[in-house]
Amino acid sequence: MESAGKDGGSGDEMDAKPTRLDRFSIFPKRKKNGQDQQPEASSQYRIVTPTFQYDMDYKKLGKCIIVNNKNFARETGMGVRNGTDKDAGDLQECFRNVGFDVTVYNDLRCDEMEEKLGKAASENHSDAACFACILLSHGEEGLIYGTDKAMAIKDLTSLFRGDKCQSLVGKPKLFFIQACRGSEFDDGIQTDSGASDDALEMDANPRYKIPVEADFLYAYSTVPGYYSWRNPGKGSWFVQSLCSVLNKHAKDLEILQILTMVNYRVARNYESQSDDPRYSEKKQVPCVVSMLTKELYFGSLGDMGQ
């Protein structure tokens, strides 16, 4: 949904199936002083041993596939996702700057999404340090929409499991998902405050087994059951915050530090406003699910001054 406006860029939309809700206006809310407040990264970084970090000493950082679904078949009941092209463009630039080889696919059916990602999973990633995939679409809990229908997110992510994509075994596989996960609103709440055992390391015993679900990270734009907001002119709250933090800290912070900062920005700097009180003052917080087994730094030890 989007608010009225000649340029279509002033209101936000939900990445979910259209509902009974009337058209309404949603705007990001900043602090009263007009400053985009956020925690600054400390100049003191966590000291970790190289054996507890993912090895990034490969020829390439890796591939990043962006699926940007904007237009949907009428039978899906889904509206046009205005603003997603800005998200896709900003993500493409951001992840290229980090070092990924980025490919963008627009308006894919479910079978096409599975085909594109299946092809990527079947490739040889031996010379790559990791893999990333970004899904921009409508969604429901556990589901992502192709242009024709919905499919289980797990049907896409499971293509990269250790038993199916062996050249990525032991390497981080990152999935960023901008989509709704339900139809609940977050009303928010007022607040007054603003080394490991080497015997377990993979390099110590190259013959030991690791779980096929290990080394995945899923960064969702919202928590299970809730709407996710997107501005037709400015892009989604989650993606824009992700790009902003990555642009500043991709080379010096660990991935979970980066995503925690993204959570902070979305949770603190955005709030819906509407003439209809049912839809006003709603909040959003992203959700990170990590099966990573080491710390992930896109920068080298030298880049971080360690």
C-alpha atoms as a PDB file:
ATOM      1  CA  MET A   1       0.000   0.000   0.000  1.00  0.00           C
ATOM      2  CA  GLU A   2       1.096   3.588  -0.501  1.00  0.00           C
ATOM      3  CA  SER A   3      -0.134   7.029   0.376  1.00  0.00           C
ATOM      4  CA  ALA A   4      -1.503   9.505  -2.095  1.00  0.00           C
ATOM      5  CA  GLY A   5       1.081  11.731  -3.730  1.00  0.00           C
ATOM      6  CA  LYS A   6       1.889  12.756  -7.264  1.00  0.00           C
ATOM      7  CA  ASP A   7       5.385  11.345  -7.146  1.00  0.00           C
ATOM      8  CA  GLY A   8       4.397   8.277  -5.148  1.00  0.00           C
ATOM      9  CA  GLY A   9       7.469   8.709  -3.000  1.00  0.00           C
ATOM     10  CA  SER A  10       6.186  10.071   0.281  1.00  0.00           C
ATOM     11  CA  GLY A  11       4.457   7.090   1.843  1.00  0.00           C
ATOM     12  CA  ASP A  12       5.585   3.643   2.936  1.00  0.00           C
ATOM     13  CA  GLU A  13       4.200   0.267   1.948  1.00  0.00           C
ATOM     14  CA  MET A  14       4.050  -3.178   3.511  1.00  0.00           C
ATOM     15  CA  ASP A  15       5.631  -6.164   1.807  1.00  0.00           C
ATOM     16  CA  ALA A  16       2.541  -8.261   2.372  1.00  0.00           C
ATOM     17  CA  LYS A  17      -0.685  -9.294   0.681  1.00  0.00           C
ATOM     18  CA  PRO A  18      -3.103  -6.344   0.357  1.00  0.00           C
ATOM     19  CA  THR A  19      -5.654  -6.317   3.143  1.00  0.00           C
ATOM     20  CA  ARG A  20      -8.870  -4.549   4.062  1.00  0.00           C
ATOM     21  CA  LEU A  21      -6.838  -1.529   5.155  1.00  0.00           C
ATOM     22  CA  ASP A  22      -7.562   1.764   3.451  1.00  0.00           C
ATOM     23  CA  ARG A  23      -4.742   3.722   1.850  1.00  0.00           C
ATOM     24  CA  PHE A  24      -2.765   5.535   4.482  1.00  0.00           C
ATOM     25  CA  SER A  25       0.365   7.607   4.946  1.00  0.00           C
ATOM     26  CA  ILE A  26       3.487   6.266   6.628  1.00  0.00           C
ATOM     27  CA  PHE A  27       6.587   8.359   7.197  1.00  0.00           C
ATOM     28  CA  PRO A  28       9.944   7.665   8.836  1.00  0.00           C
ATOM     29  CA  LYS A  29      10.235   9.512  12.120  1.00  0.00           C
ATOM     30  CA  ARG A  30      13.462  11.078  13.268  1.00  0.00           C
ATOM     31  CA  LYS A  31      14.457  12.558  16.546  1.00  0.00           C
ATOM     32  CA  LYS A  32      13.090  16.004  17.313  1.00  0.00           C
ATOM     33  CA  ASN A  33      16.489  17.597  16.851  1.00  0.00           C
ATOM     34  CA  GLY A  34      16.535  16.262  13.306  1.00  0.00           C
ATOM     35  CA  GLN A  35      19.609  14.136  13.876  1.00  0.00           C
ATOM     36  CA  ASP A  36      19.795  10.513  12.771  1.00  0.00           C
ATOM     37  CA  GLN A  37      21.070   9.243  16.090  1.00  0.00           C
ATOM     38  CA  GLN A  38      22.875   5.930  16.282  1.00  0.00           C
ATOM     39  CA  PRO A  39      25.657   4.338  18.288  1.00  0.00           C
ATOM     40  CA  GLU A  40      29.101   5.077  16.963  1.00  0.00           C
ATOM     41  CA  ALA A  41      31.438   2.171  16.426  1.00  0.00           C
ATOM     42  CA  SER A  42      34.079   1.940  19.078  1.00  0.00           C
ATOM     43  CA  SER A  43      37.652   2.459  18.008  1.00  0.00           C
ATOM     44  CA  GLN A  44      38.510  -0.583  20.130  1.00  0.00           C
ATOM     45  CA  TYR A  45      37.738  -3.770  18.236  1.00  0.00           C
ATOM     46  CA  ARG A  46      37.228  -7.179  19.728  1.00  0.00           C
ATOM     47  CA  ILE A  47      40.411  -9.213  19.798  1.00  0.00           C
ATOM     48  CA  VAL A  48      39.853 -12.647  18.247  1.00  0.00           C
ATOM     49  CA  THR A  49      42.314 -15.265  17.178  1.00  0.00           C
ATOM     50  CA  PRO A  50      42.588 -15.903  13.429  1.00  0.00           C
ATOM     51  CA  THR A  51      41.458 -19.507  13.955  1.00  0.00           C
ATOM     52  CA  PHE A  52      38.090 -18.238  15.231  1.00  0.00           C
ATOM     53  CA  GLN A  53      37.513 -16.073  12.161  1.00  0.00           C
ATOM     54  CA  TYR A  54      36.323 -17.264   8.793  1.00  0.00           C
ATOM     55  CA  ASP A  55      39.232 -17.465   6.380  1.00  0.00           C
ATOM     56  CA  MET A  56      38.753 -14.648   3.853  1.00  0.00           C
ATOM     57  CA  ASP A  57      42.074 -15.262   2.095  1.00  0.00           C
ATOM     58  CA  TYR A  58      40.561 -16.351  -1.203  1.00  0.00           C
ATOM     59  CA  LYS A  59      40.842 -15.068  -4.753  1.00  0.00           C
ATOM     60  CA  LYS A  60      37.324 -13.596  -4.530  1.00  0.00           C
ATOM     61  CA  LEU A  61      35.001 -12.536  -1.747  1.00  0.00           C
ATOM     62  CA  GLY A  62      32.159 -14.308  -3.512  1.00  0.00           C
ATOM     63  CA  LYS A  63      28.905 -13.936  -5.390  1.00  0.00           C
ATOM     64  CA  CYS A  64      25.911 -11.872  -4.301  1.00  0.00           C
ATOM     65  CA  ILE A  65      22.585 -12.556  -6.011  1.00  0.00           C
ATOM     66  CA  ILE A  66      19.813  -9.980  -5.643  1.00  0.00           C
ATOM     67  CA  VAL A  67      16.251 -11.034  -6.521  1.00  0.00           C
ATOM     68  CA  ASN A  68      14.167  -7.883  -6.963  1.00  0.00           C
ATOM     69  CA  ASN A  69      10.470  -8.692  -7.373  1.00  0.00           C
ATOM     70  CA  LYS A  70       8.384  -5.600  -8.058  1.00  0.00           C
ATOM     71  CA  ASN A  71       5.442  -6.614 -10.271  1.00  0.00           C
ATOM     72  CA  PHE A  72       3.134  -9.522  -9.523  1.00  0.00           C
ATOM     73  CA  ALA A  73       0.476 -11.482 -11.393  1.00  0.00           C
ATOM     74  CA  ARG A  74      -3.060 -10.332 -10.662  1.00  0.00           C
ATOM     75  CA  GLU A  75      -4.080 -13.704  -9.235  1.00  0.00           C
ATOM     76  CA  THR A  76      -1.555 -13.323  -6.413  1.00  0.00           C
ATOM     77  CA  GLY A  77      -3.454 -10.333  -5.043  1.00  0.00           C
ATOM     78  CA  MET A  78      -0.150  -8.532  -4.604  1.00  0.00           C
ATOM     79  CA  GLY A  79       0.442  -4.874  -5.414  1.00  0.00           C
ATOM     80  CA  VAL A  80       3.399  -3.278  -7.151  1.00  0.00           C
ATOM     81  CA  ARG A  81       6.346  -2.881  -4.772  1.00  0.00           C
ATOM     82  CA  ASN A  82       7.187   0.747  -5.532  1.00  0.00           C
ATOM     83  CA  GLY A  83      10.538   1.707  -4.047  1.00  0.00           C
ATOM     84  CA  THR A  84      12.140  -1.708  -4.431  1.00  0.00           C
ATOM     85  CA  ASP A  85      14.224  -0.569  -7.426  1.00  0.00           C
ATOM     86  CA  LYS A  86      15.955   1.977  -5.189  1.00  0.00           C
ATOM     87  CA  ASP A  87      16.641  -0.775  -2.664  1.00  0.00           C
ATOM     88  CA  ALA A  88      18.067  -3.030  -5.384  1.00  0.00           C
ATOM     89  CA  GLY A  89      20.246  -0.274  -6.828  1.00  0.00           C
ATOM     90  CA  ASP A  90      21.607   0.763  -3.444  1.00  0.00           C
ATOM     91  CA  LEU A  91      22.276  -2.854  -2.485  1.00  0.00           C
ATOM     92  CA  GLN A  92      24.049  -3.519  -5.773  1.00  0.00           C
ATOM     93  CA  GLU A  93      26.377  -0.577  -5.238  1.00  0.00           C
ATOM     94  CA  CYS A  94      26.887  -1.326  -1.547  1.00  0.00           C
ATOM     95  CA  PHE A  95      27.738  -5.015  -1.936  1.00  0.00           C
ATOM     96  CA  ARG A  96      30.010  -4.305  -4.899  1.00  0.00           C
ATOM     97  CA  ASN A  97      31.890  -1.834  -2.741  1.00  0.00           C
ATOM     98  CA  VAL A  98      32.239  -4.509  -0.054  1.00  0.00           C
ATOM     99  CA  GLY A  99      33.820  -6.755  -2.693  1.00  0.00           C
ATOM    100  CA  PHE A 100      31.053  -9.058  -3.918  1.00  0.00           C
ATOM    101  CA  ASP A 101      30.397  -9.957  -7.542  1.00  0.00           C
ATOM    102  CA  VAL A 102      26.769  -8.802  -7.722  1.00  0.00           C
ATOM    103  CA  THR A 103      24.037  -9.978 -10.100  1.00  0.00           C
ATOM    104  CA  VAL A 104      20.500  -8.560 -10.025  1.00  0.00           C
ATOM    105  CA  TYR A 105      17.465 -10.467 -11.291  1.00  0.00           C
ATOM    106  CA  ASN A 106      14.163  -8.634 -11.656  1.00  0.00           C
ATOM    107  CA  ASP A 107      10.621 -10.032 -11.441  1.00  0.00           C
ATOM    108  CA  LEU A 108      11.263 -13.760 -11.198  1.00  0.00           C
ATOM    109  CA  ARG A 109       8.617 -16.465 -10.938  1.00  0.00           C
ATOM    110  CA  CYS A 110       9.104 -19.080  -8.218  1.00  0.00           C
ATOM    111  CA  ASP A 111      10.535 -21.611 -10.658  1.00  0.00           C
ATOM    112  CA  GLU A 112      12.920 -18.952 -11.970  1.00  0.00           C
ATOM    113  CA  MET A 113      14.103 -18.065  -8.464  1.00  0.00           C
ATOM    114  CA  GLU A 114      14.780 -21.722  -7.771  1.00  0.00           C
ATOM    115  CA  GLU A 115      16.522 -22.126 -11.133  1.00  0.00           C
ATOM    116  CA  LYS A 116      18.793 -19.081 -10.689  1.00  0.00           C
ATOM    117  CA  LEU A 117      19.800 -20.001  -7.145  1.00  0.00           C
ATOM    118  CA  GLY A 118      20.099 -23.677  -8.023  1.00  0.00           C
ATOM    119  CA  LYS A 119      22.518 -22.775 -10.781  1.00  0.00           C
ATOM    120  CA  ALA A 120      24.547 -20.648  -8.388  1.00  0.00           C
ATOM    121  CA  ALA A 121      24.634 -23.466  -5.830  1.00  0.00           C
ATOM    122  CA  SER A 122      25.901 -25.915  -8.464  1.00  0.00           C
ATOM    123  CA  GLU A 123      28.835 -23.681  -9.396  1.00  0.00           C
ATOM    124  CA  ASN A 124      32.349 -24.131  -8.029  1.00  0.00           C
ATOM    125  CA  HIS A 125      32.927 -21.649  -5.191  1.00  0.00           C
ATOM    126  CA  SER A 126      36.354 -23.001  -4.285  1.00  0.00           C
ATOM    127  CA  ASP A 127      38.023 -19.650  -5.001  1.00  0.00           C
ATOM    128  CA  ALA A 128      35.415 -17.654  -3.035  1.00  0.00           C
ATOM    129  CA  ALA A 129      35.299 -16.828   0.677  1.00  0.00           C
ATOM    130  CA  CYS A 130      31.521 -16.727   1.039  1.00  0.00           C
ATOM    131  CA  PHE A 131      28.149 -16.334  -0.695  1.00  0.00           C
ATOM    132  CA  ALA A 132      25.328 -13.803  -0.289  1.00  0.00           C
ATOM    133  CA  CYS A 133      21.739 -13.661  -1.500  1.00  0.00           C
ATOM    134  CA  ILE A 134      19.227 -10.844  -1.089  1.00  0.00           C
ATOM    135  CA  LEU A 135      15.492 -11.400  -1.591  1.00  0.00           C
ATOM    136  CA  LEU A 136      13.266  -8.354  -2.104  1.00  0.00           C
ATOM    137  CA  SER A 137       9.593  -9.263  -2.409  1.00  0.00           C
ATOM    138  CA  HIS A 138       6.243  -9.666  -0.732  1.00  0.00           C
ATOM    139  CA  GLY A 139       6.139 -12.360   1.904  1.00  0.00           C
ATOM    140  CA  GLU A 140       4.417 -14.201   4.696  1.00  0.00           C
ATOM    141  CA  GLU A 141       5.912 -16.191   7.552  1.00  0.00           C
ATOM    142  CA  GLY A 142       8.288 -18.710   6.020  1.00  0.00           C
ATOM    143  CA  LEU A 143       7.282 -17.710   2.481  1.00  0.00           C
ATOM    144  CA  ILE A 144       8.641 -15.434  -0.231  1.00  0.00           C
ATOM    145  CA  TYR A 145       6.659 -14.412  -3.317  1.00  0.00           C
ATOM    146  CA  GLY A 146       7.727 -14.942  -6.880  1.00  0.00           C
ATOM    147  CA  THR A 147       5.781 -12.918  -9.414  1.00  0.00           C
ATOM    148  CA  ASP A 148       3.333 -15.833  -9.776  1.00  0.00           C
ATOM    149  CA  LYS A 149       2.872 -17.291  -6.276  1.00  0.00           C
ATOM    150  CA  ALA A 150       4.525 -17.875  -2.913  1.00  0.00           C
ATOM    151  CA  MET A 151       7.136 -20.493  -2.105  1.00  0.00           C
ATOM    152  CA  ALA A 152       8.972 -21.598   1.023  1.00  0.00           C
ATOM    153  CA  ILE A 153      12.126 -19.586   1.699  1.00  0.00           C
ATOM    154  CA  LYS A 154      13.763 -22.815   2.836  1.00  0.00           C
ATOM    155  CA  ASP A 155      13.337 -24.259  -0.676  1.00  0.00           C
ATOM    156  CA  LEU A 156      15.815 -21.599  -1.827  1.00  0.00           C
ATOM    157  CA  THR A 157      18.218 -21.494   1.102  1.00  0.00           C
ATOM    158  CA  SER A 158      18.475 -25.285   1.361  1.00  0.00           C
ATOM    159  CA  LEU A 159      20.094 -25.368  -2.082  1.00  0.00           C
ATOM    160  CA  PHE A 160      23.276 -24.168  -0.355  1.00  0.00           C
ATOM    161  CA  ARG A 161      23.335 -26.720   2.477  1.00  0.00           C
ATOM    162  CA  GLY A 162      26.606 -28.492   3.052  1.00  0.00           C
ATOM    163  CA  ASP A 163      25.350 -31.723   1.510  1.00  0.00           C
ATOM    164  CA  LYS A 164      24.253 -29.937  -1.679  1.00  0.00           C
ATOM    165  CA  CYS A 165      26.883 -27.241  -2.252  1.00  0.00           C
ATOM    166  CA  GLN A 166      30.181 -28.716  -1.140  1.00  0.00           C
ATOM    167  CA  SER A 167      32.382 -25.875  -2.388  1.00  0.00           C
ATOM    168  CA  LEU A 168      30.759 -23.620   0.249  1.00  0.00           C
ATOM    169  CA  VAL A 169      31.132 -26.080   3.141  1.00  0.00           C
ATOM    170  CA  GLY A 170      32.629 -24.278   6.118  1.00  0.00           C
ATOM    171  CA  LYS A 171      32.084 -20.878   4.462  1.00  0.00           C
ATOM    172  CA  PRO A 172      29.486 -18.247   5.423  1.00  0.00           C
ATOM    173  CA  LYS A 173      26.258 -18.217   3.426  1.00  0.00           C
ATOM    174  CA  LEU A 174      24.376 -14.960   3.988  1.00  0.00           C
ATOM    175  CA  PHE A 175      20.706 -14.346   3.197  1.00  0.00           C
ATOM    176  CA  PHE A 176      19.082 -10.917   3.555  1.00  0.00           C
ATOM    177  CA  ILE A 177      15.293 -10.946   3.233  1.00  0.00           C
ATOM    178  CA  GLN A 178      13.161  -7.815   2.806  1.00  0.00           C
ATOM    179  CA  ALA A 179       9.584  -9.079   3.055  1.00  0.00           C
ATOM    180  CA  CYS A 180       6.677  -9.232   5.461  1.00  0.00           C
ATOM    181  CA  ARG A 181       6.431 -12.209   7.794  1.00  0.00           C
ATOM    182  CA  GLY A 182       2.798 -11.781   8.842  1.00  0.00           C
ATOM    183  CA  SER A 183       0.103  -9.147   9.345  1.00  0.00           C
ATOM    184  CA  GLU A 184       0.743  -7.910  12.882  1.00  0.00           C
ATOM    185  CA  PHE A 185       1.715  -4.345  13.744  1.00  0.00           C
ATOM    186  CA  ASP A 186       4.310  -3.493  16.371  1.00  0.00           C
ATOM    187  CA  ASP A 187       2.873  -0.726  18.573  1.00  0.00           C
ATOM    188  CA  GLY A 188       6.189  -0.072  20.274  1.00  0.00           C
ATOM    189  CA  ILE A 189       6.750   0.809  23.927  1.00  0.00           C
ATOM    190  CA  GLN A 190       8.036   3.945  25.591  1.00  0.00           C
ATOM    191  CA  THR A 191      11.477   3.733  27.171  1.00  0.00           C
ATOM    192  CA  ASP A 192      13.367   5.977  29.549  1.00  0.00           C
ATOM    193  CA  SER A 193      16.814   5.136  28.135  1.00  0.00           C
ATOM    194  CA  GLY A 194      17.711   5.728  25.115  1.00  0.00           C
ATOM    195  CA  ALA A 195      39.039 -17.877  22.230  1.00  0.00           C
ATOM    196  CA  SER A 196      37.851 -21.220  21.508  1.00  0.00           C
ATOM    197  CA  ASP A 197      39.078 -24.794  21.924  1.00  0.00           C
ATOM    198  CA  ASP A 198      41.429 -25.479  18.994  1.00  0.00           C
ATOM    199  CA  ALA A 199      40.379 -29.135  19.033  1.00  0.00           C
ATOM    200  CA  LEU A 200      36.977 -28.000  17.756  1.00  0.00           C
ATOM    201  CA  GLU A 201      38.305 -25.875  14.925  1.00  0.00           C
ATOM    202  CA  MET A 202      37.808 -27.201  11.409  1.00  0.00           C
ATOM    203  CA  ASP A 203      41.447 -26.614  10.464  1.00  0.00           C
ATOM    204  CA  ALA A 204      42.589 -28.697  13.417  1.00  0.00           C
ATOM    205  CA  ASN A 205      40.872 -31.854  12.188  1.00  0.00           C
ATOM    206  CA  PRO A 206      39.816 -31.647   8.554  1.00  0.00           C
ATOM    207  CA  ARG A 207      38.033 -35.016   8.675  1.00  0.00           C
ATOM    208  CA  TYR A 208      35.430 -34.225  11.314  1.00  0.00           C
ATOM    209  CA  LYS A 209      31.800 -33.659  10.375  1.00  0.00           C
ATOM    210  CA  ILE A 210      29.924 -30.353  10.514  1.00  0.00           C
ATOM    211  CA  PRO A 211      26.142 -29.946  10.367  1.00  0.00           C
ATOM    212  CA  VAL A 212      24.712 -29.365   6.884  1.00  0.00           C
ATOM    213  CA  GLU A 213      22.831 -26.335   8.284  1.00  0.00           C
ATOM    214  CA  ALA A 214      25.995 -24.747   9.718  1.00  0.00           C
ATOM    215  CA  ASP A 215      27.472 -21.439   8.554  1.00  0.00           C
ATOM    216  CA  PHE A 216      24.188 -19.858   7.453  1.00  0.00           C
ATOM    217  CA  LEU A 217      23.044 -16.394   8.484  1.00  0.00           C
ATOM    218  CA  TYR A 218      19.538 -15.056   7.839  1.00  0.00           C
ATOM    219  CA  ALA A 219      18.883 -11.340   8.267  1.00  0.00           C
ATOM    220  CA  TYR A 220      15.146 -10.669   8.056  1.00  0.00           C
ATOM    221  CA  SER A 221      13.699  -7.188   7.763  1.00  0.00           C
ATOM    222  CA  THR A 222      11.229  -7.930  10.556  1.00  0.00           C
ATOM    223  CA  VAL A 223      10.429 -10.499  13.233  1.00  0.00           C
ATOM    224  CA  PRO A 224       8.052 -13.444  12.648  1.00  0.00           C
ATOM    225  CA  GLY A 225       4.400 -12.460  12.330  1.00  0.00           C
ATOM    226  CA  TYR A 226       4.926  -8.776  11.542  1.00  0.00           C
ATOM    227  CA  TYR A 227       4.666  -6.355   8.653  1.00  0.00           C
ATOM    228  CA  SER A 228       7.738  -4.864   7.021  1.00  0.00           C
ATOM    229  CA  TRP A 229       7.712  -1.275   5.765  1.00  0.00           C
ATOM    230  CA  ARG A 230       8.948   0.159   2.475  1.00  0.00           C
ATOM    231  CA  ASN A 231       8.873   3.757   1.208  1.00  0.00           C
ATOM    232  CA  PRO A 232       8.048   4.100  -2.532  1.00  0.00           C
ATOM    233  CA  GLY A 233      10.548   6.917  -2.953  1.00  0.00           C
ATOM    234  CA  LYS A 234      13.224   6.209  -0.342  1.00  0.00           C
ATOM    235  CA  GLY A 235      13.249   2.414  -0.172  1.00  0.00           C
ATOM    236  CA  SER A 236      12.649   0.082   2.765  1.00  0.00           C
ATOM    237  CA  TRP A 237      13.614   0.883   6.339  1.00  0.00           C
ATOM    238  CA  PHE A 238      15.683  -2.306   6.650  1.00  0.00           C
ATOM    239  CA  VAL A 239      17.548  -2.170   3.338  1.00  0.00           C
ATOM    240  CA  GLN A 240      18.402   1.511   3.617  1.00  0.00           C
ATOM    241  CA  SER A 241      19.706   1.013   7.154  1.00  0.00           C
ATOM    242  CA  LEU A 242      21.696  -2.048   6.062  1.00  0.00           C
ATOM    243  CA  CYS A 243      23.334  -0.155   3.199  1.00  0.00           C
ATOM    244  CA  SER A 244      24.110   2.826   5.428  1.00  0.00           C
ATOM    245  CA  VAL A 245      25.863   0.707   8.072  1.00  0.00           C
ATOM    246  CA  LEU A 246      27.706  -1.456   5.545  1.00  0.00           C
ATOM    247  CA  ASN A 247      28.934   1.599   3.651  1.00  0.00           C
ATOM    248  CA  LYS A 248      30.502   2.894   6.850  1.00  0.00           C
ATOM    249  CA  HIS A 249      31.571  -0.224   8.734  1.00  0.00           C
ATOM    250  CA  ALA A 250      31.832  -3.196   6.337  1.00  0.00           C
ATOM    251  CA  LYS A 251      35.614  -3.310   6.636  1.00  0.00           C
ATOM    252  CA  ASP A 252      35.998  -2.863  10.380  1.00  0.00           C
ATOM    253  CA  LEU A 253      33.067  -4.513  12.194  1.00  0.00           C
ATOM    254  CA  GLU A 254      32.059  -8.157  12.523  1.00  0.00           C
ATOM    255  CA  ILE A 255      28.841  -9.109  10.683  1.00  0.00           C
ATOM    256  CA  LEU A 256      26.739  -9.490  13.844  1.00  0.00           C
ATOM    257  CA  GLN A 257      27.961  -6.120  15.100  1.00  0.00           C
ATOM    258  CA  ILE A 258      26.893  -4.643  11.759  1.00  0.00           C
ATOM    259  CA  LEU A 259      23.454  -6.243  11.906  1.00  0.00           C
ATOM    260  CA  THR A 260      22.961  -5.231  15.545  1.00  0.00           C
ATOM    261  CA  MET A 261      23.600  -1.646  14.494  1.00  0.00           C
ATOM    262  CA  VAL A 262      21.058  -2.090  11.677  1.00  0.00           C
ATOM    263  CA  ASN A 263      18.528  -3.330  14.242  1.00  0.00           C
ATOM    264  CA  TYR A 264      19.182  -0.224  16.309  1.00  0.00           C
ATOM    265  CA  ARG A 265      18.697   2.155  13.400  1.00  0.00           C
ATOM    266  CA  VAL A 266      15.432   0.597  12.245  1.00  0.00           C
ATOM    267  CA  ALA A 267      14.042   0.283  15.774  1.00  0.00           C
ATOM    268  CA  ARG A 268      14.954   3.798  16.875  1.00  0.00           C
ATOM    269  CA  ASN A 269      14.818   5.983  13.773  1.00  0.00           C
ATOM    270  CA  TYR A 270      11.573   4.923  12.103  1.00  0.00           C
ATOM    271  CA  GLU A 271       7.930   5.116  13.147  1.00  0.00           C
ATOM    272  CA  SER A 272       4.719   5.137  11.143  1.00  0.00           C
ATOM    273  CA  GLN A 273       2.296   8.034  11.154  1.00  0.00           C
ATOM    274  CA  SER A 274      -1.245   7.958   9.792  1.00  0.00           C
ATOM    275  CA  ASP A 275      -4.486   9.888   9.972  1.00  0.00           C
ATOM    276  CA  ASP A 276      -6.044   6.588  10.979  1.00  0.00           C
ATOM    277  CA  PRO A 277      -4.919   5.921  14.571  1.00  0.00           C
ATOM    278  CA  ARG A 278      -5.020   2.162  13.953  1.00  0.00           C
ATOM    279  CA  TYR A 279      -1.960   2.462  11.727  1.00  0.00           C
ATOM    280  CA  SER A 280      -0.112   5.312  13.399  1.00  0.00           C
ATOM    281  CA  GLU A 281       3.032   5.112  15.515  1.00  0.00           C
ATOM    282  CA  LYS A 282       3.934   1.559  14.467  1.00  0.00           C
ATOM    283  CA  LYS A 283       7.467   0.250  14.790  1.00  0.00           C
ATOM    284  CA  GLN A 284       9.671  -2.401  13.214  1.00  0.00           C
ATOM    285  CA  VAL A 285      12.759  -4.306  14.245  1.00  0.00           C
ATOM    286  CA  PRO A 286      14.774  -6.658  12.025  1.00  0.00           C
ATOM    287  CA  CYS A 287      15.575 -10.212  13.077  1.00  0.00           C
ATOM    288  CA  VAL A 288      18.906 -12.018  12.741  1.00  0.00           C
ATOM    289  CA  VAL A 289      19.129 -15.810  12.834  1.00  0.00           C
ATOM    290  CA  SER A 290      22.724 -17.004  12.873  1.00  0.00           C
ATOM    291  CA  MET A 291      24.186 -20.447  12.441  1.00  0.00           C
ATOM    292  CA  LEU A 292      27.636 -18.992  11.817  1.00  0.00           C
ATOM    293  CA  THR A 293      30.377 -20.925  13.575  1.00  0.00           C
ATOM    294  CA  LYS A 294      33.084 -18.257  13.437  1.00  0.00           C
ATOM    295  CA  GLU A 295      33.277 -14.491  13.333  1.00  0.00           C
ATOM    296  CA  LEU A 296      32.941 -12.922   9.900  1.00  0.00           C
ATOM    297  CA  TYR A 297      34.937  -9.851   8.944  1.00  0.00           C
ATOM    298  CA  PHE A 298      34.872  -8.644   5.349  1.00  0.00           C
ATOM    299  CA  GLY A 299      38.073  -6.723   6.055  1.00  0.00           C
ATOM    300  CA  SER A 300      41.409  -8.412   6.634  1.00  0.00           C
ATOM    301  CA  LEU A 301      43.270  -8.329   9.934  1.00  0.00           C
ATOM    302  CA  GLY A 302      45.431  -5.610   8.428  1.00  0.00           C
ATOM    303  CA  ASP A 303      42.383  -3.547   7.504  1.00  0.00           C
ATOM    304  CA  MET A 304      41.252  -3.673  11.137  1.00  0.00           C
ATOM    305  CA  GLY A 305      44.601  -2.679  12.535  1.00  0.00           C
ATOM    306  CA  GLN A 306      45.093  -5.947  14.405  1.00  0.00           C
END
